[in-house]
Amino acid sequence: MIETAISFALGLVLGGFGVSACWGLFWSVFALVGVLRGTSKWQVVRASLTAGLVPLLMVVAVVWMMDSARVGTWPFLLGVAGVPVTLLGLGLRKLPDGTRVGERLVGGAQTMMDTMLGRHQGCGDCGGCGEEHHH
């Protein structure tokens, strides 16, 4: 019973660190493109890389210390899936205004990507600029 709980807990830890690492590395790509376009700063790249690499190093450390026999057990695999499934479930929750949390997250992420990449600046509410605006 204790071994099952330990396997599940290790899976939860790795699942959480994995999600965090992916999120940080995802934003690192946009930050780097923003720097190359001149619309973002190196501090954003450094912060994004830190947000991605620190949890990734934690995953490596936990996997290195963990017994390899645990990796294929069902409690471990359920634990790894636990954090992403929980986040998916939370993303489906409705807010008081009727929108879903996931919709708001995607909208905020889109705004952040537009800001980092320099899209839709100085053109008003055009609803989607073409290449003629050169930004």
Protein backbone atom coordinates (compact mmCIF):
# COMPACT_ATOMS: atom_id res chain seq x y z
CA MET A 1 0.00 0.00 0.00
CA ILE A 2 2.82 2.40 0.85
CA GLU A 3 4.59 1.53 -2.42
CA THR A 4 1.40 2.30 -4.34
CA ALA A 5 1.08 5.70 -2.64
CA ILE A 6 4.74 6.50 -3.27
CA SER A 7 4.41 5.56 -6.96
CA PHE A 8 1.29 7.69 -7.32
CA ALA A 9 2.91 10.66 -5.54
CA LEU A 10 6.03 10.43 -7.70
CA GLY A 11 3.80 10.33 -10.78
CA LEU A 12 1.96 13.44 -9.61
CA VAL A 13 5.23 15.26 -9.01
CA LEU A 14 6.59 14.31 -12.42
CA GLY A 15 3.31 15.16 -14.14
CA GLY A 16 3.24 18.59 -12.53
CA PHE A 17 6.88 19.32 -13.29
CA GLY A 18 6.36 18.07 -16.84
CA VAL A 19 3.43 20.43 -17.45
CA SER A 20 5.38 23.31 -15.96
CA ALA A 21 8.46 22.54 -18.06
CA CYS A 22 6.42 22.35 -21.27
CA TRP A 23 4.67 25.64 -20.48
CA GLY A 24 7.95 27.44 -19.82
CA LEU A 25 9.64 26.05 -22.93
CA PHE A 26 6.55 26.90 -25.01
CA TRP A 27 6.85 30.55 -23.97
CA SER A 28 10.61 30.48 -24.52
CA VAL A 29 10.04 29.91 -28.23
CA PHE A 30 7.76 32.95 -28.51
CA ALA A 31 10.08 35.08 -26.40
CA LEU A 32 13.05 34.16 -28.59
CA VAL A 33 11.12 34.97 -31.76
CA GLY A 34 10.08 38.26 -30.16
CA VAL A 35 13.72 39.12 -29.43
CA LEU A 36 14.72 38.28 -33.00
CA ARG A 37 11.92 40.55 -34.27
CA GLY A 38 12.87 43.29 -31.81
CA THR A 39 9.51 43.24 -30.01
CA SER A 40 10.65 41.52 -26.82
CA LYS A 41 13.60 41.69 -24.45
CA TRP A 42 16.21 39.15 -23.43
CA GLN A 43 14.88 39.24 -19.86
CA VAL A 44 11.68 37.61 -21.12
CA VAL A 45 13.69 34.86 -22.82
CA ARG A 46 15.72 34.30 -19.67
CA ALA A 47 12.62 34.15 -17.49
CA SER A 48 10.87 31.76 -19.89
CA LEU A 49 13.89 29.49 -20.12
CA THR A 50 14.18 29.46 -16.35
CA ALA A 51 10.48 28.62 -16.05
CA GLY A 52 11.02 25.70 -18.42
CA LEU A 53 14.44 24.41 -17.44
CA VAL A 54 14.10 24.40 -13.64
CA PRO A 55 11.12 22.00 -13.65
CA LEU A 56 12.81 19.97 -16.39
CA LEU A 57 15.88 19.58 -14.19
CA MET A 58 13.60 18.55 -11.33
CA VAL A 59 12.07 15.86 -13.57
CA VAL A 60 15.55 14.60 -14.43
CA ALA A 61 16.54 14.56 -10.75
CA VAL A 62 13.42 12.66 -9.67
CA VAL A 63 13.73 10.14 -12.50
CA TRP A 64 17.42 9.66 -11.72
CA MET A 65 16.68 8.91 -8.05
CA MET A 66 13.61 6.81 -8.74
CA ASP A 67 13.59 3.03 -9.00
CA SER A 68 13.12 2.07 -12.65
CA ALA A 69 10.62 -0.66 -11.73
CA ARG A 70 8.13 2.05 -10.67
CA VAL A 71 7.86 3.60 -14.13
CA GLY A 72 5.55 0.97 -15.60
CA THR A 73 3.21 0.63 -12.61
CA TRP A 74 -0.39 1.80 -12.93
CA PRO A 75 -0.27 4.07 -9.84
CA PHE A 76 2.73 5.89 -11.29
CA LEU A 77 1.10 6.28 -14.69
CA LEU A 78 -2.14 7.50 -13.10
CA GLY A 79 -0.11 9.99 -11.10
CA VAL A 80 1.67 11.30 -14.20
CA ALA A 81 -1.70 11.84 -15.89
CA GLY A 82 -3.21 13.36 -12.74
CA VAL A 83 -2.00 16.95 -13.11
CA PRO A 84 -2.78 17.34 -16.85
CA VAL A 85 -6.24 15.79 -16.39
CA THR A 86 -6.92 18.02 -13.39
CA LEU A 87 -5.90 21.10 -15.37
CA LEU A 88 -8.11 20.01 -18.25
CA GLY A 89 -11.03 19.60 -15.86
CA LEU A 90 -10.41 23.01 -14.32
CA GLY A 91 -10.22 24.51 -17.81
CA LEU A 92 -13.72 23.22 -18.56
CA ARG A 93 -15.25 24.99 -15.56
CA LYS A 94 -17.61 27.84 -16.30
CA LEU A 95 -17.02 31.33 -14.98
CA PRO A 96 -19.87 33.55 -13.71
CA ASP A 97 -20.11 35.27 -17.11
CA GLY A 98 -20.67 31.91 -18.86
CA THR A 99 -17.26 31.56 -20.48
CA ARG A 100 -14.94 28.70 -19.64
CA VAL A 101 -11.65 29.04 -17.81
CA GLY A 102 -9.84 27.42 -20.74
CA GLU A 103 -11.26 29.98 -23.16
CA ARG A 104 -9.95 32.78 -20.99
CA LEU A 105 -6.55 31.11 -20.73
CA VAL A 106 -6.31 30.72 -24.49
CA GLY A 107 -7.42 34.33 -25.00
CA GLY A 108 -4.82 35.58 -22.54
CA ALA A 109 -2.14 33.44 -24.14
CA GLN A 110 -3.09 34.80 -27.57
CA THR A 111 -2.82 38.37 -26.29
CA MET A 112 0.57 37.60 -24.77
CA MET A 113 1.78 36.01 -28.02
CA ASP A 114 0.58 39.04 -29.99
CA THR A 115 2.43 41.34 -27.59
CA MET A 116 5.65 39.31 -27.70
CA LEU A 117 5.60 38.99 -31.47
CA GLY A 118 4.60 42.61 -32.06
CA ARG A 119 1.35 41.89 -33.87
CA HIS A 120 -1.54 44.37 -33.92
CA GLN A 121 0.39 47.35 -32.63
CA GLY A 122 -0.58 50.78 -33.83
CA CYS A 123 -3.31 49.68 -36.19
CA GLY A 124 -6.38 50.07 -34.01
CA ASP A 125 -8.96 47.35 -33.81
CA CYS A 126 -8.41 45.95 -37.27
CA GLY A 127 -9.52 42.42 -36.41
CA GLY A 128 -6.47 40.77 -37.94
CA CYS A 129 -3.82 42.61 -39.89
CA GLY A 130 -2.48 41.38 -43.15
CA GLU A 131 1.07 41.79 -44.36
CA GLU A 132 0.32 45.26 -45.70
CA HIS A 133 0.74 46.75 -42.21
CA HIS A 134 4.24 45.26 -41.81
CA HIS A 135 4.06 44.25 -38.15
